[in-house]
Amino acid sequence: MESRREQCSHSQSSMAGLHVRSLLVTGANRGIGLGLVQHFLRMPKPPQWIFAGCRDPKGQRAQELQNLASKHPNIIIIPLEVANPSSIKAAAAKVVEHLGGSGLNLLINNAGIVKLNTIDTETLEDMSEIYTTNTIGPLLMGQAFLPLLKKAAQGSPGSGLSCSKAAIINMSSIGGSIASSFGWDIMQVTSYRCSKAALNMLSKCQSLAYKEHGILCVALHPGWVQTDMGSSAGHTPPVTVDDSVQGMLKVLSSLSEKETGAFLDWEGQVIPW
């Protein structure tokens, strides 16, 4: 077994390839979103701007994020409801203001919702709500932040694609894999699975549309993680937030144009569509 210290230095060196000046994470007040913010702060060279999007910045659920932001001036909390187009526009305008002429390197569409329905109890309302947040939200976010991502890509040397240059990372799930029936016996969550399968297609479409602008796009499965969402069916998931986020940052640091449009997991393995 490696000592904890060796593991830490590995994770630091594996992230050494990731030099992000600015990023935006949606759903940043808890779970994986908050974990991402914490790990970006711990980098040897942390980003100059970490835009942390969350629905209710003043609420109880954002307390931990507020505490973090009070200690770190590079965290800017942005009120953001990804199911609401005018909220997205307002958030983009705020980010533009802060960036003052520079671009956004990394957009991480992490906000997502699930409802524990069986296929028999799914409703039009639930499916529409889940699809709006999980699939349409990332589409609208991509549209709204495209000018800033393009600007970041133009300002980066070299012709290749990378997360240090400009990238959209869509937080997907193996639950959206049509080839794998992972977890069906524990949670059917049909509307969630459909929304993530559609998000995978969106990631593919974004990768094709935005490649000419120098923007990399991938769908990422964070693992089955110990968050409120991951534990909602009453089982303890095997992966901690820390391990998932560390793994994902390692993956992000290694991505290049040959991975754009791919569906990968937190350990860099390809997941079948």
C-alpha atoms as a PDB file:
ATOM      1  CA  MET A   1       0.000   0.000   0.000  1.00  0.00           C
ATOM      2  CA  GLU A   2       1.188   3.478  -0.758  1.00  0.00           C
ATOM      3  CA  SER A   3       1.303   5.868   2.122  1.00  0.00           C
ATOM      4  CA  ARG A   4      -1.307   8.649   2.162  1.00  0.00           C
ATOM      5  CA  ARG A   5       1.491  11.163   1.501  1.00  0.00           C
ATOM      6  CA  GLU A   6       2.632   9.346  -1.641  1.00  0.00           C
ATOM      7  CA  GLN A   7      -0.934   9.211  -2.875  1.00  0.00           C
ATOM      8  CA  CYS A   8      -1.308  12.932  -2.282  1.00  0.00           C
ATOM      9  CA  SER A   9       1.802  13.731  -4.235  1.00  0.00           C
ATOM     10  CA  HIS A  10       0.552  11.492  -7.054  1.00  0.00           C
ATOM     11  CA  SER A  11      -2.742  13.323  -7.234  1.00  0.00           C
ATOM     12  CA  GLN A  12      -0.883  16.645  -7.251  1.00  0.00           C
ATOM     13  CA  SER A  13       1.424  15.559 -10.025  1.00  0.00           C
ATOM     14  CA  SER A  14      -1.398  13.978 -12.028  1.00  0.00           C
ATOM     15  CA  MET A  15      -3.181  17.310 -11.955  1.00  0.00           C
ATOM     16  CA  ALA A  16      -0.033  19.168 -12.920  1.00  0.00           C
ATOM     17  CA  GLY A  17      -1.194  18.989 -16.547  1.00  0.00           C
ATOM     18  CA  LEU A  18      -4.314  20.991 -15.722  1.00  0.00           C
ATOM     19  CA  HIS A  19      -3.790  24.761 -15.754  1.00  0.00           C
ATOM     20  CA  VAL A  20      -7.194  26.368 -15.616  1.00  0.00           C
ATOM     21  CA  ARG A  21      -7.387  30.104 -15.176  1.00  0.00           C
ATOM     22  CA  SER A  22     -11.180  30.168 -14.853  1.00  0.00           C
ATOM     23  CA  LEU A  23     -13.977  27.641 -14.496  1.00  0.00           C
ATOM     24  CA  LEU A  24     -17.668  27.459 -13.730  1.00  0.00           C
ATOM     25  CA  VAL A  25     -19.304  24.553 -11.878  1.00  0.00           C
ATOM     26  CA  THR A  26     -23.093  24.252 -11.664  1.00  0.00           C
ATOM     27  CA  GLY A  27     -24.680  22.678  -8.585  1.00  0.00           C
ATOM     28  CA  ALA A  28     -21.599  23.702  -6.620  1.00  0.00           C
ATOM     29  CA  ASN A  29     -23.157  23.893  -3.154  1.00  0.00           C
ATOM     30  CA  ARG A  30     -22.923  20.179  -2.297  1.00  0.00           C
ATOM     31  CA  GLY A  31     -21.901  16.721  -3.410  1.00  0.00           C
ATOM     32  CA  ILE A  32     -19.613  16.446  -6.416  1.00  0.00           C
ATOM     33  CA  GLY A  33     -19.941  20.145  -7.314  1.00  0.00           C
ATOM     34  CA  LEU A  34     -18.653  21.254  -3.918  1.00  0.00           C
ATOM     35  CA  GLY A  35     -15.948  18.564  -4.060  1.00  0.00           C
ATOM     36  CA  LEU A  36     -14.742  19.971  -7.389  1.00  0.00           C
ATOM     37  CA  VAL A  37     -14.536  23.493  -5.956  1.00  0.00           C
ATOM     38  CA  GLN A  38     -12.543  22.203  -2.949  1.00  0.00           C
ATOM     39  CA  HIS A  39     -10.087  20.243  -5.092  1.00  0.00           C
ATOM     40  CA  PHE A  40      -9.501  23.091  -7.552  1.00  0.00           C
ATOM     41  CA  LEU A  41      -8.629  25.277  -4.548  1.00  0.00           C
ATOM     42  CA  ARG A  42      -6.023  22.718  -3.443  1.00  0.00           C
ATOM     43  CA  MET A  43      -4.164  22.696  -6.748  1.00  0.00           C
ATOM     44  CA  PRO A  44      -0.530  23.829  -6.720  1.00  0.00           C
ATOM     45  CA  LYS A  45      -1.684  26.695  -8.944  1.00  0.00           C
ATOM     46  CA  PRO A  46      -5.383  27.274  -8.208  1.00  0.00           C
ATOM     47  CA  PRO A  47      -7.620  29.000 -10.774  1.00  0.00           C
ATOM     48  CA  GLN A  48      -7.869  32.767 -10.632  1.00  0.00           C
ATOM     49  CA  TRP A  49     -11.679  32.480 -10.825  1.00  0.00           C
ATOM     50  CA  ILE A  50     -13.865  29.637  -9.605  1.00  0.00           C
ATOM     51  CA  PHE A  51     -17.473  30.467 -10.437  1.00  0.00           C
ATOM     52  CA  ALA A  52     -19.696  28.353  -8.188  1.00  0.00           C
ATOM     53  CA  GLY A  53     -23.247  28.212  -9.504  1.00  0.00           C
ATOM     54  CA  CYS A  54     -26.031  27.284  -7.129  1.00  0.00           C
ATOM     55  CA  ARG A  55     -29.799  27.728  -6.982  1.00  0.00           C
ATOM     56  CA  ASP A  56     -30.060  29.363  -3.583  1.00  0.00           C
ATOM     57  CA  PRO A  57     -26.752  30.924  -2.454  1.00  0.00           C
ATOM     58  CA  LYS A  58     -28.323  32.311   0.736  1.00  0.00           C
ATOM     59  CA  GLY A  59     -29.979  29.022   1.726  1.00  0.00           C
ATOM     60  CA  GLN A  60     -29.049  26.456   4.366  1.00  0.00           C
ATOM     61  CA  ARG A  61     -27.777  24.043   1.717  1.00  0.00           C
ATOM     62  CA  ALA A  62     -25.177  26.542   0.501  1.00  0.00           C
ATOM     63  CA  GLN A  63     -23.701  27.242   3.945  1.00  0.00           C
ATOM     64  CA  GLU A  64     -20.530  25.210   3.374  1.00  0.00           C
ATOM     65  CA  LEU A  65     -19.933  26.903   0.021  1.00  0.00           C
ATOM     66  CA  GLN A  66     -20.476  30.334   1.619  1.00  0.00           C
ATOM     67  CA  ASN A  67     -17.921  29.513   4.338  1.00  0.00           C
ATOM     68  CA  LEU A  68     -15.407  28.456   1.696  1.00  0.00           C
ATOM     69  CA  ALA A  69     -16.004  31.590  -0.384  1.00  0.00           C
ATOM     70  CA  SER A  70     -15.486  33.816   2.673  1.00  0.00           C
ATOM     71  CA  LYS A  71     -11.942  32.398   2.988  1.00  0.00           C
ATOM     72  CA  HIS A  72     -11.073  32.294  -0.722  1.00  0.00           C
ATOM     73  CA  PRO A  73     -11.590  35.457  -2.781  1.00  0.00           C
ATOM     74  CA  ASN A  74     -11.185  33.501  -6.039  1.00  0.00           C
ATOM     75  CA  ILE A  75     -14.547  31.760  -5.410  1.00  0.00           C
ATOM     76  CA  ILE A  76     -17.403  33.766  -6.870  1.00  0.00           C
ATOM     77  CA  ILE A  77     -20.839  32.378  -5.963  1.00  0.00           C
ATOM     78  CA  ILE A  78     -23.307  32.844  -8.822  1.00  0.00           C
ATOM     79  CA  PRO A  79     -27.068  32.386  -8.343  1.00  0.00           C
ATOM     80  CA  LEU A  80     -27.965  29.924 -11.091  1.00  0.00           C
ATOM     81  CA  GLU A  81     -31.001  27.784 -11.844  1.00  0.00           C
ATOM     82  CA  VAL A  82     -30.114  25.766 -14.953  1.00  0.00           C
ATOM     83  CA  ALA A  83     -33.779  25.032 -15.683  1.00  0.00           C
ATOM     84  CA  ASN A  84     -34.383  28.770 -16.128  1.00  0.00           C
ATOM     85  CA  PRO A  85     -33.088  30.476 -19.308  1.00  0.00           C
ATOM     86  CA  SER A  86     -33.177  33.984 -17.822  1.00  0.00           C
ATOM     87  CA  SER A  87     -31.199  32.800 -14.770  1.00  0.00           C
ATOM     88  CA  ILE A  88     -28.567  31.360 -17.144  1.00  0.00           C
ATOM     89  CA  LYS A  89     -28.369  34.642 -19.094  1.00  0.00           C
ATOM     90  CA  ALA A  90     -27.981  36.644 -15.889  1.00  0.00           C
ATOM     91  CA  ALA A  91     -25.248  34.263 -14.674  1.00  0.00           C
ATOM     92  CA  ALA A  92     -23.359  34.583 -17.974  1.00  0.00           C
ATOM     93  CA  ALA A  93     -23.506  38.382 -17.714  1.00  0.00           C
ATOM     94  CA  LYS A  94     -22.104  38.250 -14.146  1.00  0.00           C
ATOM     95  CA  VAL A  95     -19.260  35.968 -15.243  1.00  0.00           C
ATOM     96  CA  VAL A  96     -18.431  38.309 -18.155  1.00  0.00           C
ATOM     97  CA  GLU A  97     -18.236  41.196 -15.671  1.00  0.00           C
ATOM     98  CA  HIS A  98     -15.760  39.359 -13.437  1.00  0.00           C
ATOM     99  CA  LEU A  99     -13.600  38.034 -16.264  1.00  0.00           C
ATOM    100  CA  GLY A 100     -13.187  41.519 -17.713  1.00  0.00           C
ATOM    101  CA  GLY A 101     -12.250  40.569 -21.242  1.00  0.00           C
ATOM    102  CA  SER A 102     -10.703  37.140 -20.699  1.00  0.00           C
ATOM    103  CA  GLY A 103     -12.386  33.829 -21.515  1.00  0.00           C
ATOM    104  CA  LEU A 104     -13.717  30.879 -19.523  1.00  0.00           C
ATOM    105  CA  ASN A 105     -11.563  27.736 -19.759  1.00  0.00           C
ATOM    106  CA  LEU A 106     -13.847  25.159 -18.228  1.00  0.00           C
ATOM    107  CA  LEU A 107     -17.613  24.753 -17.961  1.00  0.00           C
ATOM    108  CA  ILE A 108     -18.648  21.823 -15.763  1.00  0.00           C
ATOM    109  CA  ASN A 109     -22.363  21.048 -16.089  1.00  0.00           C
ATOM    110  CA  ASN A 110     -22.759  19.200 -12.817  1.00  0.00           C
ATOM    111  CA  ALA A 111     -26.231  20.233 -11.555  1.00  0.00           C
ATOM    112  CA  GLY A 112     -28.659  17.337 -11.803  1.00  0.00           C
ATOM    113  CA  ILE A 113     -31.799  15.941 -10.198  1.00  0.00           C
ATOM    114  CA  VAL A 114     -33.299  12.494  -9.735  1.00  0.00           C
ATOM    115  CA  LYS A 115     -36.690  11.249  -8.543  1.00  0.00           C
ATOM    116  CA  LEU A 116     -36.982   7.712  -7.220  1.00  0.00           C
ATOM    117  CA  ASN A 117     -39.844   6.607  -9.443  1.00  0.00           C
ATOM    118  CA  THR A 118     -40.418   3.160 -10.867  1.00  0.00           C
ATOM    119  CA  ILE A 119     -41.363   3.020 -14.539  1.00  0.00           C
ATOM    120  CA  ASP A 120     -45.012   2.684 -13.469  1.00  0.00           C
ATOM    121  CA  THR A 121     -44.985   5.842 -11.342  1.00  0.00           C
ATOM    122  CA  GLU A 122     -43.203   8.128 -13.822  1.00  0.00           C
ATOM    123  CA  THR A 123     -45.311  11.143 -14.780  1.00  0.00           C
ATOM    124  CA  LEU A 124     -45.206  13.773 -17.486  1.00  0.00           C
ATOM    125  CA  GLU A 125     -44.390  16.402 -14.845  1.00  0.00           C
ATOM    126  CA  ASP A 126     -41.517  14.469 -13.244  1.00  0.00           C
ATOM    127  CA  MET A 127     -39.968  13.432 -16.523  1.00  0.00           C
ATOM    128  CA  SER A 128     -40.228  16.963 -17.919  1.00  0.00           C
ATOM    129  CA  GLU A 129     -38.665  18.480 -14.792  1.00  0.00           C
ATOM    130  CA  ILE A 130     -35.757  16.008 -14.769  1.00  0.00           C
ATOM    131  CA  TYR A 131     -35.156  16.365 -18.501  1.00  0.00           C
ATOM    132  CA  THR A 132     -35.253  20.164 -18.253  1.00  0.00           C
ATOM    133  CA  THR A 133     -32.553  20.272 -15.559  1.00  0.00           C
ATOM    134  CA  ASN A 134     -30.376  17.340 -16.655  1.00  0.00           C
ATOM    135  CA  THR A 135     -30.427  17.739 -20.442  1.00  0.00           C
ATOM    136  CA  ILE A 136     -31.816  21.093 -21.544  1.00  0.00           C
ATOM    137  CA  GLY A 137     -29.874  22.951 -18.818  1.00  0.00           C
ATOM    138  CA  PRO A 138     -26.464  21.837 -20.177  1.00  0.00           C
ATOM    139  CA  LEU A 139     -27.574  22.720 -23.731  1.00  0.00           C
ATOM    140  CA  LEU A 140     -28.541  26.268 -22.692  1.00  0.00           C
ATOM    141  CA  MET A 141     -25.397  26.616 -20.568  1.00  0.00           C
ATOM    142  CA  GLY A 142     -23.281  25.672 -23.581  1.00  0.00           C
ATOM    143  CA  GLN A 143     -25.065  28.284 -25.698  1.00  0.00           C
ATOM    144  CA  ALA A 144     -24.775  31.033 -23.093  1.00  0.00           C
ATOM    145  CA  PHE A 145     -21.097  30.446 -22.304  1.00  0.00           C
ATOM    146  CA  LEU A 146     -19.931  29.671 -25.850  1.00  0.00           C
ATOM    147  CA  PRO A 147     -18.576  33.207 -26.456  1.00  0.00           C
ATOM    148  CA  LEU A 148     -16.437  32.975 -23.289  1.00  0.00           C
ATOM    149  CA  LEU A 149     -15.223  29.452 -24.109  1.00  0.00           C
ATOM    150  CA  LYS A 150     -14.317  30.572 -27.656  1.00  0.00           C
ATOM    151  CA  LYS A 151     -12.414  33.514 -26.218  1.00  0.00           C
ATOM    152  CA  ALA A 152     -10.445  31.199 -23.914  1.00  0.00           C
ATOM    153  CA  ALA A 153      -9.649  28.878 -26.821  1.00  0.00           C
ATOM    154  CA  GLN A 154      -8.445  31.775 -28.976  1.00  0.00           C
ATOM    155  CA  GLY A 155      -6.245  33.031 -26.154  1.00  0.00           C
ATOM    156  CA  SER A 156      -4.511  29.651 -25.702  1.00  0.00           C
ATOM    157  CA  PRO A 157      -1.411  28.713 -27.663  1.00  0.00           C
ATOM    158  CA  GLY A 158      -1.301  25.513 -29.728  1.00  0.00           C
ATOM    159  CA  SER A 159      -3.840  23.902 -32.025  1.00  0.00           C
ATOM    160  CA  GLY A 160      -4.861  20.868 -29.958  1.00  0.00           C
ATOM    161  CA  LEU A 161      -7.869  20.580 -27.638  1.00  0.00           C
ATOM    162  CA  SER A 162      -7.498  20.356 -23.856  1.00  0.00           C
ATOM    163  CA  CYS A 163      -9.275  21.207 -20.609  1.00  0.00           C
ATOM    164  CA  SER A 164      -6.626  23.837 -19.886  1.00  0.00           C
ATOM    165  CA  LYS A 165      -7.630  25.582 -23.122  1.00  0.00           C
ATOM    166  CA  ALA A 166     -11.446  25.362 -23.345  1.00  0.00           C
ATOM    167  CA  ALA A 167     -13.812  22.530 -22.468  1.00  0.00           C
ATOM    168  CA  ILE A 168     -17.385  21.588 -21.591  1.00  0.00           C
ATOM    169  CA  ILE A 169     -17.655  18.687 -19.150  1.00  0.00           C
ATOM    170  CA  ASN A 170     -21.145  17.216 -18.831  1.00  0.00           C
ATOM    171  CA  MET A 171     -21.630  15.183 -15.669  1.00  0.00           C
ATOM    172  CA  SER A 172     -23.416  12.112 -16.945  1.00  0.00           C
ATOM    173  CA  SER A 173     -24.029   8.667 -15.468  1.00  0.00           C
ATOM    174  CA  ILE A 174     -23.600   5.028 -16.373  1.00  0.00           C
ATOM    175  CA  GLY A 175     -27.371   5.050 -15.786  1.00  0.00           C
ATOM    176  CA  GLY A 176     -27.577   6.747 -19.181  1.00  0.00           C
ATOM    177  CA  SER A 177     -25.761   3.889 -20.935  1.00  0.00           C
ATOM    178  CA  ILE A 178     -28.147   1.951 -23.168  1.00  0.00           C
ATOM    179  CA  ALA A 179     -25.656  -0.938 -23.308  1.00  0.00           C
ATOM    180  CA  SER A 180     -25.432  -1.329 -19.521  1.00  0.00           C
ATOM    181  CA  SER A 181     -28.303  -2.017 -17.127  1.00  0.00           C
ATOM    182  CA  PHE A 182     -26.151  -1.017 -14.138  1.00  0.00           C
ATOM    183  CA  GLY A 183     -28.172  -0.529 -10.954  1.00  0.00           C
ATOM    184  CA  TRP A 184     -31.599  -1.338 -12.449  1.00  0.00           C
ATOM    185  CA  ASP A 185     -32.404  -3.738  -9.598  1.00  0.00           C
ATOM    186  CA  ILE A 186     -31.661  -0.991  -7.040  1.00  0.00           C
ATOM    187  CA  MET A 187     -33.167   2.022  -8.811  1.00  0.00           C
ATOM    188  CA  GLN A 188     -35.211   2.074 -12.005  1.00  0.00           C
ATOM    189  CA  VAL A 189     -35.186   5.898 -12.229  1.00  0.00           C
ATOM    190  CA  THR A 190     -36.287   5.731 -15.867  1.00  0.00           C
ATOM    191  CA  SER A 191     -36.625   9.485 -16.346  1.00  0.00           C
ATOM    192  CA  TYR A 192     -33.129  10.053 -14.912  1.00  0.00           C
ATOM    193  CA  ARG A 193     -31.658   7.361 -17.198  1.00  0.00           C
ATOM    194  CA  CYS A 194     -33.404   8.855 -20.234  1.00  0.00           C
ATOM    195  CA  SER A 195     -32.177  12.356 -19.346  1.00  0.00           C
ATOM    196  CA  LYS A 196     -28.574  11.130 -19.085  1.00  0.00           C
ATOM    197  CA  ALA A 197     -28.748   9.116 -22.328  1.00  0.00           C
ATOM    198  CA  ALA A 198     -29.950  12.333 -23.981  1.00  0.00           C
ATOM    199  CA  LEU A 199     -27.176  14.303 -22.245  1.00  0.00           C
ATOM    200  CA  ASN A 200     -24.659  11.877 -23.765  1.00  0.00           C
ATOM    201  CA  MET A 201     -26.025  12.673 -27.222  1.00  0.00           C
ATOM    202  CA  LEU A 202     -25.888  16.387 -26.411  1.00  0.00           C
ATOM    203  CA  SER A 203     -22.206  15.976 -25.438  1.00  0.00           C
ATOM    204  CA  LYS A 204     -21.580  14.309 -28.793  1.00  0.00           C
ATOM    205  CA  CYS A 205     -23.405  17.108 -30.646  1.00  0.00           C
ATOM    206  CA  GLN A 206     -21.513  19.804 -28.726  1.00  0.00           C
ATOM    207  CA  SER A 207     -18.203  18.073 -29.501  1.00  0.00           C
ATOM    208  CA  LEU A 208     -19.020  18.124 -33.236  1.00  0.00           C
ATOM    209  CA  ALA A 209     -20.356  21.691 -33.255  1.00  0.00           C
ATOM    210  CA  TYR A 210     -17.668  23.268 -31.071  1.00  0.00           C
ATOM    211  CA  LYS A 211     -14.548  21.423 -32.258  1.00  0.00           C
ATOM    212  CA  GLU A 212     -13.871  24.115 -34.889  1.00  0.00           C
ATOM    213  CA  HIS A 213     -13.871  26.695 -32.068  1.00  0.00           C
ATOM    214  CA  GLY A 214     -11.171  24.766 -30.182  1.00  0.00           C
ATOM    215  CA  ILE A 215     -13.532  23.507 -27.453  1.00  0.00           C
ATOM    216  CA  LEU A 216     -13.300  19.961 -26.096  1.00  0.00           C
ATOM    217  CA  CYS A 217     -16.549  18.282 -24.919  1.00  0.00           C
ATOM    218  CA  VAL A 218     -16.972  15.042 -22.961  1.00  0.00           C
ATOM    219  CA  ALA A 219     -19.596  13.217 -20.920  1.00  0.00           C
ATOM    220  CA  LEU A 220     -18.193  11.994 -17.610  1.00  0.00           C
ATOM    221  CA  HIS A 221     -19.552   9.357 -15.225  1.00  0.00           C
ATOM    222  CA  PRO A 222     -18.320  10.261 -11.713  1.00  0.00           C
ATOM    223  CA  GLY A 223     -18.872   6.769 -10.319  1.00  0.00           C
ATOM    224  CA  TRP A 224     -21.611   5.822  -7.875  1.00  0.00           C
ATOM    225  CA  VAL A 225     -20.720   8.432  -5.283  1.00  0.00           C
ATOM    226  CA  GLN A 226     -21.542   8.972  -1.612  1.00  0.00           C
ATOM    227  CA  THR A 227     -23.673  12.089  -2.016  1.00  0.00           C
ATOM    228  CA  ASP A 228     -27.281  12.896  -1.064  1.00  0.00           C
ATOM    229  CA  MET A 229     -28.279  11.893  -4.582  1.00  0.00           C
ATOM    230  CA  GLY A 230     -26.127   8.761  -4.703  1.00  0.00           C
ATOM    231  CA  SER A 231     -27.448   7.511  -1.367  1.00  0.00           C
ATOM    232  CA  SER A 232     -31.078   8.403  -2.047  1.00  0.00           C
ATOM    233  CA  ALA A 233     -32.149   4.793  -2.666  1.00  0.00           C
ATOM    234  CA  GLY A 234     -30.942   3.750   0.779  1.00  0.00           C
ATOM    235  CA  HIS A 235     -27.706   2.006  -0.290  1.00  0.00           C
ATOM    236  CA  THR A 236     -24.240   3.304   0.543  1.00  0.00           C
ATOM    237  CA  PRO A 237     -22.376   3.924  -2.722  1.00  0.00           C
ATOM    238  CA  PRO A 238     -18.801   2.572  -2.997  1.00  0.00           C
ATOM    239  CA  VAL A 239     -17.029   5.778  -4.093  1.00  0.00           C
ATOM    240  CA  THR A 240     -16.262   8.811  -1.903  1.00  0.00           C
ATOM    241  CA  VAL A 241     -16.606  12.334  -3.275  1.00  0.00           C
ATOM    242  CA  ASP A 242     -12.853  12.857  -2.769  1.00  0.00           C
ATOM    243  CA  ASP A 243     -11.857   9.753  -4.740  1.00  0.00           C
ATOM    244  CA  SER A 244     -14.308  10.555  -7.526  1.00  0.00           C
ATOM    245  CA  VAL A 245     -13.206  14.184  -7.862  1.00  0.00           C
ATOM    246  CA  GLN A 246      -9.508  13.308  -7.691  1.00  0.00           C
ATOM    247  CA  GLY A 247     -10.016  10.686 -10.384  1.00  0.00           C
ATOM    248  CA  MET A 248     -11.997  13.041 -12.592  1.00  0.00           C
ATOM    249  CA  LEU A 249      -9.387  15.811 -12.334  1.00  0.00           C
ATOM    250  CA  LYS A 250      -6.747  13.297 -13.371  1.00  0.00           C
ATOM    251  CA  VAL A 251      -8.912  12.363 -16.373  1.00  0.00           C
ATOM    252  CA  LEU A 252      -9.485  16.036 -17.254  1.00  0.00           C
ATOM    253  CA  SER A 253      -5.748  16.716 -17.190  1.00  0.00           C
ATOM    254  CA  SER A 254      -5.133  13.938 -19.720  1.00  0.00           C
ATOM    255  CA  LEU A 255      -7.886  14.700 -22.272  1.00  0.00           C
ATOM    256  CA  SER A 256      -6.989  15.739 -25.812  1.00  0.00           C
ATOM    257  CA  GLU A 257      -8.814  16.053 -29.152  1.00  0.00           C
ATOM    258  CA  LYS A 258      -8.962  12.275 -29.558  1.00  0.00           C
ATOM    259  CA  GLU A 259     -11.317  12.081 -26.554  1.00  0.00           C
ATOM    260  CA  THR A 260     -13.671  14.877 -27.570  1.00  0.00           C
ATOM    261  CA  GLY A 261     -17.205  13.490 -27.806  1.00  0.00           C
ATOM    262  CA  ALA A 262     -16.346  10.477 -25.611  1.00  0.00           C
ATOM    263  CA  PHE A 263     -18.258   9.015 -22.653  1.00  0.00           C
ATOM    264  CA  LEU A 264     -15.734   8.233 -19.909  1.00  0.00           C
ATOM    265  CA  ASP A 265     -15.799   7.393 -16.232  1.00  0.00           C
ATOM    266  CA  TRP A 266     -13.879   8.911 -13.310  1.00  0.00           C
ATOM    267  CA  GLU A 267     -11.011   6.459 -13.891  1.00  0.00           C
ATOM    268  CA  GLY A 268     -10.717   7.288 -17.583  1.00  0.00           C
ATOM    269  CA  GLN A 269     -12.389   4.087 -18.835  1.00  0.00           C
ATOM    270  CA  VAL A 270     -14.652   4.337 -21.888  1.00  0.00           C
ATOM    271  CA  ILE A 271     -18.294   3.584 -21.041  1.00  0.00           C
ATOM    272  CA  PRO A 272     -20.397   1.984 -23.787  1.00  0.00           C
ATOM    273  CA  TRP A 273     -23.187   4.198 -25.146  1.00  0.00           C
END
